[in-house]
Amino acid sequence: QLQENQDEIENMMNAIFKGVFVHRYRDAIAEIRAICIEEIGIWMKMYSDAFLNDSYLKYVGWTMHDKQGEVRLKCLTALQGLYYNKELNSKLELFTSRFKDRIVSMTLDKEYDVAVQAIKLLTLVLQSSEEVLTAEDCENVYHLVYSAHRPVAVAAGEFLYKKLFSRRDAEDDGMLKRRGRQSPNANLVKTLVFFFLESELHEHAAYLVDSMWDCATDLLKDWECMNSLLLEEPLNGEEPLTDRQESALIEIMLCTIRQAAECHPPVGRGTGKRVGNK
């Protein structure tokens, strides 16, 4: 009887889906399209056995091309609810491979709110499987740490931190109490310097620091470690910093001190919304 009741409920839901959703997700009114996507996201999350499959996910993927930003935004937030649950990751693999390029392109959306949520979604994708995103995909997000729009830059900073800075080697666990050049942060500081130099936006260290300030404060405030890298001799087998790398580290260090003292974003970085559709 329980099975019969469940089958009956599923049949009713499928009737609603085919009779209402399939017609209304393309409604002329953007608000109705947005409601449809929001609700199907809830169905897939709450009843994943029946609804989290490509027969339903494809509608969210197609709607990511909607001309209204509010609808694209609902697609991304619906997907975030799914990718956040790691138990559902296996059911999202085909969707990810099919629509990943669209999500990456949405990080440059004309609507800042959409761009921010696209970056946050890619951060969740990154955490579910590192192999999914190519080096090119990641680089498309990395350069957004230099965005003039702070929410976009901060979201990109968190993506960058999760990809390049959050992993720790097992041997680092024994170094947790060490300080200066021997601390676990030493390699992370050097990674930050290398990234900064490779990005070739040398006059924008303040932007990079501000982007990562919320997620990497402990690293950016480890001035003892930075001083050690500049003043102490390299450890055995360690490559010394070049003059160019030392200059970059000094520039980053000055920006972190200024950020800590002034507590506001660098000049030219704001939170204003861009108007327009893509």
Foldseek 3Di string as FASTA:
>chain_A
DVVVVVVVVLVVVVCCCVVPLVPQCPPPDLVSVQVSLLVLLVCCLVPVVRRLAPVNLVSLLVQCPPFDPSNVLSSLVSLQSQLVPLVNVVRCVVVCLVRVVVLLVQLPWQWPSSVLSSLLSVLSVCVSPVVSADPVSLVSLLVQLLPLAQSSNLSSLVSCCSPPPPDDDPVQVVQCPPAAQSHSLNVVLLVVLVVQVVSVPLVRLLSNCSSNCVPCVVSLPRVSNLVSLQPPDDDPPDDRDDPSSNVSSVVNNVSSVCCVVVVDGDPSRYNDTRDGTD
